[in-house]
Amino acid sequence: MVSQCLSQDAPEAGNHRFLVCGDRPYANKEMSDAFIKHYPEIASKAPTKLPGGVDSNGLPAGGCYAGDNSLSKNLLGMTYRGFEDTMIQFAESVKHLPPKSNGGIRLTTLKDKATPK
């Protein structure tokens, strides 16, 4: 892990524990929104209905836990990718996988993988 390597070279990192996480909490709705925005072909398969107990943004009514990654930024100089960029990178890394048979979100289909003979 990058943070482990960086902390070995930073004397001021001694006796600290680093939380390596994004800058803010996110909701499943944001994941769906990012996939729909960048992969409109899956819009009909992406979940859009909000479950009970969440607000209109998809965040839990009681609030979210959030991590403080300031130590990893300040002492180790780490930077973090934005949430939407992370979702795009994730989608790109899994879109080649075969579709699930249980009706989950499919970023590709077997037909997309067919090669002409």
C-alpha atoms as a PDB file:
ATOM      1  CA  MET A   1       0.000   0.000   0.000  1.00  0.00           C
ATOM      2  CA  VAL A   2       1.280   3.446  -0.901  1.00  0.00           C
ATOM      3  CA  SER A   3       0.647   4.868   2.570  1.00  0.00           C
ATOM      4  CA  GLN A   4       2.857   2.205   4.173  1.00  0.00           C
ATOM      5  CA  CYS A   5       5.741   2.995   1.857  1.00  0.00           C
ATOM      6  CA  LEU A   6       5.377   6.740   2.331  1.00  0.00           C
ATOM      7  CA  SER A   7       5.187   6.454   6.119  1.00  0.00           C
ATOM      8  CA  GLN A   8       8.475   4.522   6.240  1.00  0.00           C
ATOM      9  CA  ASP A   9      10.242   7.488   4.660  1.00  0.00           C
ATOM     10  CA  ALA A  10       8.589  10.137   6.859  1.00  0.00           C
ATOM     11  CA  PRO A  11      10.157  10.323  10.344  1.00  0.00           C
ATOM     12  CA  GLU A  12       7.262  12.499  11.564  1.00  0.00           C
ATOM     13  CA  ALA A  13       4.862   9.648  10.727  1.00  0.00           C
ATOM     14  CA  GLY A  14       6.120   7.559  13.658  1.00  0.00           C
ATOM     15  CA  ASN A  15       3.471   6.521  16.212  1.00  0.00           C
ATOM     16  CA  HIS A  16       0.626   7.701  13.963  1.00  0.00           C
ATOM     17  CA  ARG A  17      -2.175   5.662  12.462  1.00  0.00           C
ATOM     18  CA  PHE A  18      -3.415   6.748   9.065  1.00  0.00           C
ATOM     19  CA  LEU A  19      -6.944   6.486   7.793  1.00  0.00           C
ATOM     20  CA  VAL A  20      -6.683   6.113   4.040  1.00  0.00           C
ATOM     21  CA  CYS A  21     -10.085   7.035   2.670  1.00  0.00           C
ATOM     22  CA  GLY A  22     -11.833   9.544   0.451  1.00  0.00           C
ATOM     23  CA  ASP A  23     -12.608  13.076   1.528  1.00  0.00           C
ATOM     24  CA  ARG A  24     -16.300  12.637   2.216  1.00  0.00           C
ATOM     25  CA  PRO A  25     -19.012  10.057   2.756  1.00  0.00           C
ATOM     26  CA  TYR A  26     -21.015   8.891  -0.238  1.00  0.00           C
ATOM     27  CA  ALA A  27     -24.343   7.236  -0.853  1.00  0.00           C
ATOM     28  CA  ASN A  28     -25.304   4.389  -3.150  1.00  0.00           C
ATOM     29  CA  LYS A  29     -27.433   6.904  -5.077  1.00  0.00           C
ATOM     30  CA  GLU A  30     -24.256   8.780  -6.018  1.00  0.00           C
ATOM     31  CA  MET A  31     -22.808   5.546  -7.382  1.00  0.00           C
ATOM     32  CA  SER A  32     -25.893   4.963  -9.529  1.00  0.00           C
ATOM     33  CA  ASP A  33     -25.897   8.589 -10.679  1.00  0.00           C
ATOM     34  CA  ALA A  34     -22.222   8.389 -11.736  1.00  0.00           C
ATOM     35  CA  PHE A  35     -22.758   5.145 -13.639  1.00  0.00           C
ATOM     36  CA  ILE A  36     -25.858   6.510 -15.391  1.00  0.00           C
ATOM     37  CA  LYS A  37     -24.077   9.750 -16.328  1.00  0.00           C
ATOM     38  CA  HIS A  38     -21.016   8.058 -17.821  1.00  0.00           C
ATOM     39  CA  TYR A  39     -22.596   4.793 -19.004  1.00  0.00           C
ATOM     40  CA  PRO A  40     -26.096   5.715 -20.207  1.00  0.00           C
ATOM     41  CA  GLU A  41     -26.481   2.263 -21.741  1.00  0.00           C
ATOM     42  CA  ILE A  42     -26.986   0.840 -18.233  1.00  0.00           C
ATOM     43  CA  ALA A  43     -29.455   3.500 -17.061  1.00  0.00           C
ATOM     44  CA  SER A  44     -32.410   1.135 -17.273  1.00  0.00           C
ATOM     45  CA  LYS A  45     -30.603  -1.399 -15.067  1.00  0.00           C
ATOM     46  CA  ALA A  46     -29.172   0.963 -12.457  1.00  0.00           C
ATOM     47  CA  PRO A  47     -31.135   1.223  -9.202  1.00  0.00           C
ATOM     48  CA  THR A  48     -32.854   4.573  -8.774  1.00  0.00           C
ATOM     49  CA  LYS A  49     -35.462   3.899  -6.082  1.00  0.00           C
ATOM     50  CA  LEU A  50     -34.367   5.146  -2.683  1.00  0.00           C
ATOM     51  CA  PRO A  51     -34.788   2.777   0.259  1.00  0.00           C
ATOM     52  CA  GLY A  52     -36.537   3.855   3.449  1.00  0.00           C
ATOM     53  CA  GLY A  53     -34.548   5.802   6.005  1.00  0.00           C
ATOM     54  CA  VAL A  54     -32.642   7.970   3.544  1.00  0.00           C
ATOM     55  CA  ASP A  55     -33.099  11.570   2.442  1.00  0.00           C
ATOM     56  CA  SER A  56     -33.613  12.735  -1.152  1.00  0.00           C
ATOM     57  CA  ASN A  57     -29.833  12.582  -1.742  1.00  0.00           C
ATOM     58  CA  GLY A  58     -29.718   8.947  -0.656  1.00  0.00           C
ATOM     59  CA  LEU A  59     -27.906   9.694   2.593  1.00  0.00           C
ATOM     60  CA  PRO A  60     -29.030   8.042   5.826  1.00  0.00           C
ATOM     61  CA  ALA A  61     -31.473  10.270   7.708  1.00  0.00           C
ATOM     62  CA  GLY A  62     -29.321  10.063  10.853  1.00  0.00           C
ATOM     63  CA  GLY A  63     -26.161  11.194   9.054  1.00  0.00           C
ATOM     64  CA  CYS A  64     -23.042   9.411   7.851  1.00  0.00           C
ATOM     65  CA  TYR A  65     -19.749   8.486   9.342  1.00  0.00           C
ATOM     66  CA  ALA A  66     -16.842  10.306   7.772  1.00  0.00           C
ATOM     67  CA  GLY A  67     -13.143   9.657   8.008  1.00  0.00           C
ATOM     68  CA  ASP A  68     -10.478  12.271   8.590  1.00  0.00           C
ATOM     69  CA  ASN A  69      -7.672  11.727   6.120  1.00  0.00           C
ATOM     70  CA  SER A  70      -5.888  15.008   6.871  1.00  0.00           C
ATOM     71  CA  LEU A  71      -2.934  13.235   8.513  1.00  0.00           C
ATOM     72  CA  SER A  72      -2.259  11.180   5.382  1.00  0.00           C
ATOM     73  CA  LYS A  73      -2.448  14.349   3.290  1.00  0.00           C
ATOM     74  CA  ASN A  74      -0.368  16.565   5.578  1.00  0.00           C
ATOM     75  CA  LEU A  75       2.354  14.140   6.695  1.00  0.00           C
ATOM     76  CA  LEU A  76       2.564  11.830   3.703  1.00  0.00           C
ATOM     77  CA  GLY A  77       1.520  14.193   0.913  1.00  0.00           C
ATOM     78  CA  MET A  78      -1.151  11.808  -0.319  1.00  0.00           C
ATOM     79  CA  THR A  79      -3.877  12.962  -2.657  1.00  0.00           C
ATOM     80  CA  TYR A  80      -7.191  11.290  -3.366  1.00  0.00           C
ATOM     81  CA  ARG A  81      -9.199  10.799  -6.510  1.00  0.00           C
ATOM     82  CA  GLY A  82     -12.677  12.328  -6.595  1.00  0.00           C
ATOM     83  CA  PHE A  83     -15.684  10.086  -6.040  1.00  0.00           C
ATOM     84  CA  GLU A  84     -17.007  10.258  -9.600  1.00  0.00           C
ATOM     85  CA  ASP A  85     -13.552   9.546 -11.050  1.00  0.00           C
ATOM     86  CA  THR A  86     -13.271   6.562  -8.714  1.00  0.00           C
ATOM     87  CA  MET A  87     -16.600   5.189  -9.933  1.00  0.00           C
ATOM     88  CA  ILE A  88     -15.553   5.626 -13.576  1.00  0.00           C
ATOM     89  CA  GLN A  89     -12.250   3.848 -12.925  1.00  0.00           C
ATOM     90  CA  PHE A  90     -14.130   1.035 -11.149  1.00  0.00           C
ATOM     91  CA  ALA A  91     -16.606   0.666 -14.024  1.00  0.00           C
ATOM     92  CA  GLU A  92     -13.790   0.564 -16.565  1.00  0.00           C
ATOM     93  CA  SER A  93     -12.018  -2.143 -14.574  1.00  0.00           C
ATOM     94  CA  VAL A  94     -15.064  -4.444 -14.388  1.00  0.00           C
ATOM     95  CA  LYS A  95     -16.898  -3.820 -17.640  1.00  0.00           C
ATOM     96  CA  HIS A  96     -15.029  -6.654 -19.348  1.00  0.00           C
ATOM     97  CA  LEU A  97     -16.356  -9.207 -16.848  1.00  0.00           C
ATOM     98  CA  PRO A  98     -19.212 -11.479 -17.936  1.00  0.00           C
ATOM     99  CA  PRO A  99     -22.680 -10.356 -16.828  1.00  0.00           C
ATOM    100  CA  LYS A 100     -24.170 -11.649 -13.601  1.00  0.00           C
ATOM    101  CA  SER A 101     -27.081 -14.018 -13.908  1.00  0.00           C
ATOM    102  CA  ASN A 102     -28.922 -12.571 -10.893  1.00  0.00           C
ATOM    103  CA  GLY A 103     -30.112  -9.375 -12.593  1.00  0.00           C
ATOM    104  CA  GLY A 104     -27.433  -7.080 -11.134  1.00  0.00           C
ATOM    105  CA  ILE A 105     -26.059  -4.078 -13.013  1.00  0.00           C
ATOM    106  CA  ARG A 106     -24.320  -5.191 -16.185  1.00  0.00           C
ATOM    107  CA  LEU A 107     -21.835  -2.873 -17.795  1.00  0.00           C
ATOM    108  CA  THR A 108     -21.424  -5.244 -20.719  1.00  0.00           C
ATOM    109  CA  THR A 109     -23.191  -8.256 -22.155  1.00  0.00           C
ATOM    110  CA  LEU A 110     -21.959 -11.488 -23.650  1.00  0.00           C
ATOM    111  CA  LYS A 111     -23.190 -10.216 -27.019  1.00  0.00           C
ATOM    112  CA  ASP A 112     -20.805  -7.234 -26.638  1.00  0.00           C
ATOM    113  CA  LYS A 113     -17.952  -9.718 -26.260  1.00  0.00           C
ATOM    114  CA  ALA A 114     -18.824 -11.742 -29.388  1.00  0.00           C
ATOM    115  CA  THR A 115     -16.184 -11.641 -32.057  1.00  0.00           C
ATOM    116  CA  PRO A 116     -16.964 -12.087 -35.752  1.00  0.00           C
ATOM    117  CA  LYS A 117     -15.901 -15.400 -37.281  1.00  0.00           C
END
